[in-house]
C-alpha atoms as a PDB file:
ATOM      1  CA  MET A   1     118.236  88.081  76.335  1.00  0.00           C
ATOM      2  CA  ASN A   2     120.568  90.446  78.008  1.00  0.00           C
ATOM      3  CA  VAL A   3     117.499  92.261  80.030  1.00  0.00           C
ATOM      4  CA  ILE A   4     117.118  88.980  81.971  1.00  0.00           C
ATOM      5  CA  ASN A   5     120.581  89.007  83.256  1.00  0.00           C
ATOM      6  CA  ILE A   6     120.649  92.763  83.910  1.00  0.00           C
ATOM      7  CA  ILE A   7     117.299  92.443  86.102  1.00  0.00           C
ATOM      8  CA  ASN A   8     118.340  89.421  87.717  1.00  0.00           C
ATOM      9  CA  ASN A   9     121.625  90.929  88.805  1.00  0.00           C
ATOM     10  CA  LYS A  10     119.625  94.092  89.934  1.00  0.00           C
ATOM     11  CA  LEU A  11     117.203  91.823  92.011  1.00  0.00           C
ATOM     12  CA  CYS A  12     119.635  89.871  93.560  1.00  0.00           C
ATOM     13  CA  GLU A  13     121.522  93.051  95.059  1.00  0.00           C
ATOM     14  CA  PHE A  14     118.153  94.467  96.096  1.00  0.00           C
ATOM     15  CA  SER A  15     117.163  91.104  97.608  1.00  0.00           C
ATOM     16  CA  ILE A  16     120.332  90.533  99.780  1.00  0.00           C
ATOM     17  CA  ASN A  17     120.099  94.469 100.929  1.00  0.00           C
ATOM     18  CA  ARG A  18     116.373  93.918 101.697  1.00  0.00           C
ATOM     19  CA  PHE A  19     117.197  90.922 103.795  1.00  0.00           C
ATOM     20  CA  LYS A  20     119.895  92.673 105.933  1.00  0.00           C
ATOM     21  CA  GLU A  21     117.556  95.208 106.527  1.00  0.00           C
ATOM     22  CA  MET A  22     114.169  93.593 107.223  1.00  0.00           C
ATOM     23  CA  GLY A  23     115.106  89.805 107.821  1.00  0.00           C
ATOM     24  CA  LYS A  24     113.698  86.767 105.973  1.00  0.00           C
ATOM     25  CA  LYS A  25     110.009  87.053 106.534  1.00  0.00           C
ATOM     26  CA  LYS A  26     109.290  90.885 106.430  1.00  0.00           C
ATOM     27  CA  SER A  27     111.457  91.104 103.296  1.00  0.00           C
ATOM     28  CA  GLY A  28     109.165  88.544 101.428  1.00  0.00           C
ATOM     29  CA  LEU A  29     112.120  86.397 100.694  1.00  0.00           C
ATOM     30  CA  TYR A  30     111.737  83.914 103.199  1.00  0.00           C
ATOM     31  CA  GLY A  31     114.243  80.992 102.663  1.00  0.00           C
ATOM     32  CA  TYR A  32     113.267  79.994  99.089  1.00  0.00           C
ATOM     33  CA  TYR A  33     113.995  83.291  97.542  1.00  0.00           C
ATOM     34  CA  LEU A  34     116.933  84.254  99.785  1.00  0.00           C
ATOM     35  CA  ASN A  35     118.893  81.078  98.688  1.00  0.00           C
ATOM     36  CA  ARG A  36     118.060  82.207  95.159  1.00  0.00           C
ATOM     37  CA  ALA A  37     119.391  85.614  95.778  1.00  0.00           C
ATOM     38  CA  LYS A  38     122.619  84.212  97.219  1.00  0.00           C
ATOM     39  CA  LYS A  39     122.912  81.947  94.400  1.00  0.00           C
ATOM     40  CA  ARG A  40     122.547  84.936  92.069  1.00  0.00           C
ATOM     41  CA  MET A  41     119.468  83.244  90.564  1.00  0.00           C
ATOM     42  CA  ILE A  42     116.388  85.180  91.635  1.00  0.00           C
ATOM     43  CA  ILE A  43     115.193  84.706  87.808  1.00  0.00           C
ATOM     44  CA  SER A  44     115.474  80.851  87.716  1.00  0.00           C
ATOM     45  CA  ASP A  45     116.003  78.605  84.532  1.00  0.00           C
ATOM     46  CA  THR A  46     112.029  77.838  84.695  1.00  0.00           C
ATOM     47  CA  ASP A  47     111.378  81.743  84.714  1.00  0.00           C
ATOM     48  CA  ILE A  48     113.708  82.254  81.711  1.00  0.00           C
ATOM     49  CA  TYR A  49     112.047  79.496  79.868  1.00  0.00           C
ATOM     50  CA  LEU A  50     108.623  80.968  80.461  1.00  0.00           C
ATOM     51  CA  ILE A  51     109.739  84.469  79.426  1.00  0.00           C
ATOM     52  CA  THR A  52     111.272  83.239  76.338  1.00  0.00           C
ATOM     53  CA  TYR A  53     108.370  81.256  75.412  1.00  0.00           C
ATOM     54  CA  ILE A  54     105.939  84.200  75.855  1.00  0.00           C
ATOM     55  CA  TYR A  55     108.317  86.625  73.951  1.00  0.00           C
ATOM     56  CA  GLU A  56     108.536  84.121  71.040  1.00  0.00           C
ATOM     57  CA  ASN A  57     104.965  83.082  70.959  1.00  0.00           C
ATOM     58  CA  ILE A  58     102.579  85.679  72.513  1.00  0.00           C
ATOM     59  CA  GLY A  59     102.091  89.099  70.989  1.00  0.00           C
ATOM     60  CA  LYS A  60     102.672  92.147  72.908  1.00  0.00           C
ATOM     61  CA  ASN A  61      99.259  93.412  72.386  1.00  0.00           C
ATOM     62  CA  LYS A  62      98.140  90.485  74.866  1.00  0.00           C
ATOM     63  CA  ILE A  63      97.538  91.375  78.527  1.00  0.00           C
ATOM     64  CA  ILE A  64      99.494  88.750  80.686  1.00  0.00           C
ATOM     65  CA  CYS A  65      98.303  87.888  84.086  1.00  0.00           C
ATOM     66  CA  GLU A  66     101.095  85.977  86.275  1.00  0.00           C
ATOM     67  CA  LEU A  67      99.303  84.109  89.004  1.00  0.00           C
ATOM     68  CA  ALA A  68     100.983  83.416  92.332  1.00  0.00           C
ATOM     69  CA  ALA A  69     103.644  85.681  91.249  1.00  0.00           C
ATOM     70  CA  GLY A  70     106.034  85.261  94.103  1.00  0.00           C
ATOM     71  CA  LEU A  71     108.298  88.315  93.937  1.00  0.00           C
ATOM     72  CA  ALA A  72     106.907  89.057  90.335  1.00  0.00           C
ATOM     73  CA  GLN A  73     110.230  88.501  88.698  1.00  0.00           C
ATOM     74  CA  THR A  74     108.909  86.985  85.644  1.00  0.00           C
ATOM     75  CA  SER A  75     106.211  89.675  85.365  1.00  0.00           C
ATOM     76  CA  ILE A  76     109.070  92.564  85.900  1.00  0.00           C
ATOM     77  CA  VAL A  77     110.854  91.144  82.917  1.00  0.00           C
ATOM     78  CA  LEU A  78     107.938  90.820  80.613  1.00  0.00           C
ATOM     79  CA  SER A  79     107.164  94.458  81.496  1.00  0.00           C
ATOM     80  CA  LYS A  80     110.604  95.494  80.537  1.00  0.00           C
ATOM     81  CA  LEU A  81     109.996  93.667  77.291  1.00  0.00           C
ATOM     82  CA  GLY A  82     107.054  95.887  76.491  1.00  0.00           C
ATOM     83  CA  TYR A  83     104.072  93.693  77.878  1.00  0.00           C
ATOM     84  CA  GLN A  84     101.198  95.024  79.863  1.00  0.00           C
ATOM     85  CA  VAL A  85     101.280  92.603  83.011  1.00  0.00           C
ATOM     86  CA  ASN A  86      98.943  91.995  86.002  1.00  0.00           C
ATOM     87  CA  ALA A  87     100.667  89.972  88.766  1.00  0.00           C
ATOM     88  CA  TYR A  88      98.561  88.392  91.499  1.00  0.00           C
ATOM     89  CA  GLU A  89     100.066  87.436  94.654  1.00  0.00           C
ATOM     90  CA  ILE A  90      98.254  86.686  98.065  1.00  0.00           C
ATOM     91  CA  ASP A  91     101.508  86.988 100.396  1.00  0.00           C
ATOM     92  CA  SER A  92     101.599  90.531 101.532  1.00  0.00           C
ATOM     93  CA  ASN A  93     105.407  90.485 102.309  1.00  0.00           C
ATOM     94  CA  ARG A  94     105.940  89.258  98.791  1.00  0.00           C
ATOM     95  CA  LEU A  95     103.653  91.684  97.169  1.00  0.00           C
ATOM     96  CA  LYS A  96     105.452  94.611  99.082  1.00  0.00           C
ATOM     97  CA  TYR A  97     108.838  93.254  97.621  1.00  0.00           C
ATOM     98  CA  ALA A  98     107.303  93.180  94.075  1.00  0.00           C
ATOM     99  CA  LYS A  99     105.934  96.682  94.563  1.00  0.00           C
ATOM    100  CA  ASP A 100     109.303  97.987  95.603  1.00  0.00           C
ATOM    101  CA  ALA A 101     111.163  96.189  92.893  1.00  0.00           C
ATOM    102  CA  ASN A 102     108.767  97.485  90.381  1.00  0.00           C
ATOM    103  CA  VAL A 103     109.605 101.140  91.360  1.00  0.00           C
ATOM    104  CA  LEU A 104     113.353 100.291  91.400  1.00  0.00           C
ATOM    105  CA  LEU A 105     113.298  98.558  87.944  1.00  0.00           C
ATOM    106  CA  GLU A 106     110.967 101.360  86.576  1.00  0.00           C
ATOM    107  CA  THR A 107     108.444  98.808  85.263  1.00  0.00           C
ATOM    108  CA  ASN A 108     104.708  99.211  85.059  1.00  0.00           C
ATOM    109  CA  VAL A 109     103.446  95.746  86.603  1.00  0.00           C
ATOM    110  CA  ASN A 110     100.046  96.082  87.898  1.00  0.00           C
ATOM    111  CA  LEU A 111     100.394  94.263  91.406  1.00  0.00           C
ATOM    112  CA  ILE A 112      97.111  92.752  92.869  1.00  0.00           C
ATOM    113  CA  ASN A 113      96.873  91.272  96.229  1.00  0.00           C
ATOM    114  CA  GLY A 114      94.618  88.315  95.728  1.00  0.00           C
ATOM    115  CA  LYS A 115      94.159  84.561  94.887  1.00  0.00           C
ATOM    116  CA  PHE A 116      94.306  83.530  91.144  1.00  0.00           C
ATOM    117  CA  GLN A 117      90.786  82.173  91.722  1.00  0.00           C
ATOM    118  CA  CYS A 118      89.579  85.746  91.734  1.00  0.00           C
ATOM    119  CA  LEU A 119      91.120  86.831  88.420  1.00  0.00           C
ATOM    120  CA  ASP A 120      89.354  89.532  86.488  1.00  0.00           C
ATOM    121  CA  THR A 121      89.255  87.880  83.059  1.00  0.00           C
ATOM    122  CA  LYS A 122      88.120  91.216  81.427  1.00  0.00           C
ATOM    123  CA  ASN A 123      91.808  92.437  81.712  1.00  0.00           C
ATOM    124  CA  CYS A 124      93.564  89.223  80.547  1.00  0.00           C
ATOM    125  CA  ASP A 125      94.491  87.416  77.277  1.00  0.00           C
ATOM    126  CA  CYS A 126      97.192  84.950  78.596  1.00  0.00           C
ATOM    127  CA  VAL A 127      97.356  83.359  82.097  1.00  0.00           C
ATOM    128  CA  ILE A 128     100.712  82.310  83.298  1.00  0.00           C
ATOM    129  CA  GLY A 129     101.611  80.348  86.315  1.00  0.00           C
ATOM    130  CA  ASN A 130     104.927  78.739  87.484  1.00  0.00           C
ATOM    131  CA  ASN A 131     103.192  77.320  90.799  1.00  0.00           C
ATOM    132  CA  LEU A 132      99.695  77.607  90.978  1.00  0.00           C
ATOM    133  CA  ALA A 133      99.347  74.574  93.362  1.00  0.00           C
ATOM    134  CA  ASN A 134      98.022  75.541  96.814  1.00  0.00           C
ATOM    135  CA  GLY A 135      95.414  72.729  97.213  1.00  0.00           C
ATOM    136  CA  ILE A 136      93.143  75.160  99.056  1.00  0.00           C
ATOM    137  CA  ASN A 137      90.076  75.074  96.727  1.00  0.00           C
ATOM    138  CA  GLY A 138      90.915  71.541  95.449  1.00  0.00           C
ATOM    139  CA  ILE A 139      91.560  70.485  91.821  1.00  0.00           C
ATOM    140  CA  GLU A 140      87.874  70.194  91.036  1.00  0.00           C
ATOM    141  CA  LYS A 141      87.321  73.873  91.554  1.00  0.00           C
ATOM    142  CA  ASP A 142      90.528  74.609  89.542  1.00  0.00           C
ATOM    143  CA  ILE A 143      89.225  72.607  86.589  1.00  0.00           C
ATOM    144  CA  LYS A 144      85.960  74.712  86.698  1.00  0.00           C
ATOM    145  CA  ILE A 145      88.227  77.796  86.617  1.00  0.00           C
ATOM    146  CA  LEU A 146      90.282  76.530  83.619  1.00  0.00           C
ATOM    147  CA  LYS A 147      87.198  75.584  81.705  1.00  0.00           C
ATOM    148  CA  LYS A 148      85.967  78.983  82.281  1.00  0.00           C
ATOM    149  CA  TRP A 149      89.073  80.634  81.110  1.00  0.00           C
ATOM    150  CA  ILE A 150      89.286  78.289  77.933  1.00  0.00           C
ATOM    151  CA  HIS A 151      85.453  79.282  77.203  1.00  0.00           C
ATOM    152  CA  GLU A 152      86.742  82.880  77.329  1.00  0.00           C
ATOM    153  CA  ASN A 153      89.420  82.005  74.950  1.00  0.00           C
ATOM    154  CA  ILE A 154      92.209  82.811  77.359  1.00  0.00           C
ATOM    155  CA  ILE A 155      95.550  81.249  76.719  1.00  0.00           C
ATOM    156  CA  ILE A 156      96.856  79.453  79.775  1.00  0.00           C
ATOM    157  CA  ILE A 157     100.550  78.418  80.358  1.00  0.00           C
ATOM    158  CA  ILE A 158     101.236  76.597  83.543  1.00  0.00           C
ATOM    159  CA  ASN A 159     104.013  74.489  85.074  1.00  0.00           C
ATOM    160  CA  ALA A 160     102.491  71.047  85.112  1.00  0.00           C
ATOM    161  CA  LYS A 161     105.290  69.544  87.354  1.00  0.00           C
ATOM    162  CA  LEU A 162     104.678  72.131  90.199  1.00  0.00           C
ATOM    163  CA  TYR A 163     101.047  72.025  89.832  1.00  0.00           C
ATOM    164  CA  GLY A 164     101.160  68.166  90.372  1.00  0.00           C
ATOM    165  CA  LYS A 165     101.580  68.791  94.158  1.00  0.00           C
ATOM    166  CA  ILE A 166      97.818  68.412  94.282  1.00  0.00           C
ATOM    167  CA  GLY A 167      97.335  65.995  91.552  1.00  0.00           C
ATOM    168  CA  ASN A 168      98.605  65.076  88.072  1.00  0.00           C
ATOM    169  CA  ILE A 169      97.374  67.876  86.057  1.00  0.00           C
ATOM    170  CA  LYS A 170      97.799  66.373  82.695  1.00  0.00           C
ATOM    171  CA  GLN A 171      95.766  63.139  83.757  1.00  0.00           C
ATOM    172  CA  ILE A 172      92.974  65.532  85.191  1.00  0.00           C
ATOM    173  CA  LEU A 173      93.045  67.564  81.968  1.00  0.00           C
ATOM    174  CA  ASP A 174      92.626  64.275  80.086  1.00  0.00           C
ATOM    175  CA  GLU A 175      89.802  63.195  82.094  1.00  0.00           C
ATOM    176  CA  ASN A 176      87.976  66.367  81.670  1.00  0.00           C
ATOM    177  CA  ASN A 177      88.656  66.371  78.008  1.00  0.00           C
ATOM    178  CA  ILE A 178      90.718  69.713  78.125  1.00  0.00           C
ATOM    179  CA  LYS A 179      93.336  69.767  75.257  1.00  0.00           C
ATOM    180  CA  TYR A 180      96.788  70.951  76.109  1.00  0.00           C
ATOM    181  CA  GLN A 181     100.102  71.193  74.309  1.00  0.00           C
ATOM    182  CA  GLU A 182     103.162  69.865  76.029  1.00  0.00           C
ATOM    183  CA  LEU A 183     105.996  72.465  76.064  1.00  0.00           C
ATOM    184  CA  LYS A 184     109.507  72.148  77.290  1.00  0.00           C
ATOM    185  CA  ASN A 185     110.596  72.294  81.063  1.00  0.00           C
ATOM    186  CA  ASP A 186     107.257  70.833  82.247  1.00  0.00           C
ATOM    187  CA  PHE A 187     105.270  73.704  81.054  1.00  0.00           C
ATOM    188  CA  ILE A 188     101.677  72.938  79.148  1.00  0.00           C
ATOM    189  CA  ARG A 189      99.694  75.384  77.085  1.00  0.00           C
ATOM    190  CA  ILE A 190      95.936  74.879  77.428  1.00  0.00           C
END
C-alpha cells in the first residue's frame, strides 16, 4: 500500500524535525522512536502487517481501538484508509506527538489519554495492540478484561510476542479456555 510509504516518510521527517526542536523526551520520541525515524521506519514491519491484516479482514464499518498506541502511526494509517479509529496512549509526550501528526496528515484519529484497561467498549468493535504488556495490573486482571471484551463480541488482535513480557499469553489463554487464531508475525486474533 503506497499510503503506508507516504505516511511513513512524512512521519520520519516530522519526527526528526520535532526531535531537533524539542529533544528526546519532550518530542515523545525517546530513544525507541528516534532510532526508527533515523532508519526511516516509524511504521515498522509489524505495524504494516497489522494494518494490512485489518484492511483485508475487518470491514471499514467497524470502529478500531488501538491500545498503547505510541505515536499512533498505525491508527493514522488506518484513518487515512477510511477507518474510524480511537487510539489510547498513556504517555502525554507521545500523545502530543500523535495529536500534532494527526493534524499534519489530516487524519481523524480520536486520541485518548488513558490506559487500555479503561476502554469504552460502546465505541469499539475491534481492539488492536502491538504492545499491551505493561505488567501494572498483572495478567489476571488483563484476562478478566479480555473475557469481558470477548463477551461483548469485540474482535481482539494483539502481538503475542510483545505481550509475552509479562507471561506466555497463548498458554494463559489456553489455561482460561479462550480460543484464539494464530496469525503471522506473532499476532493472535481472539
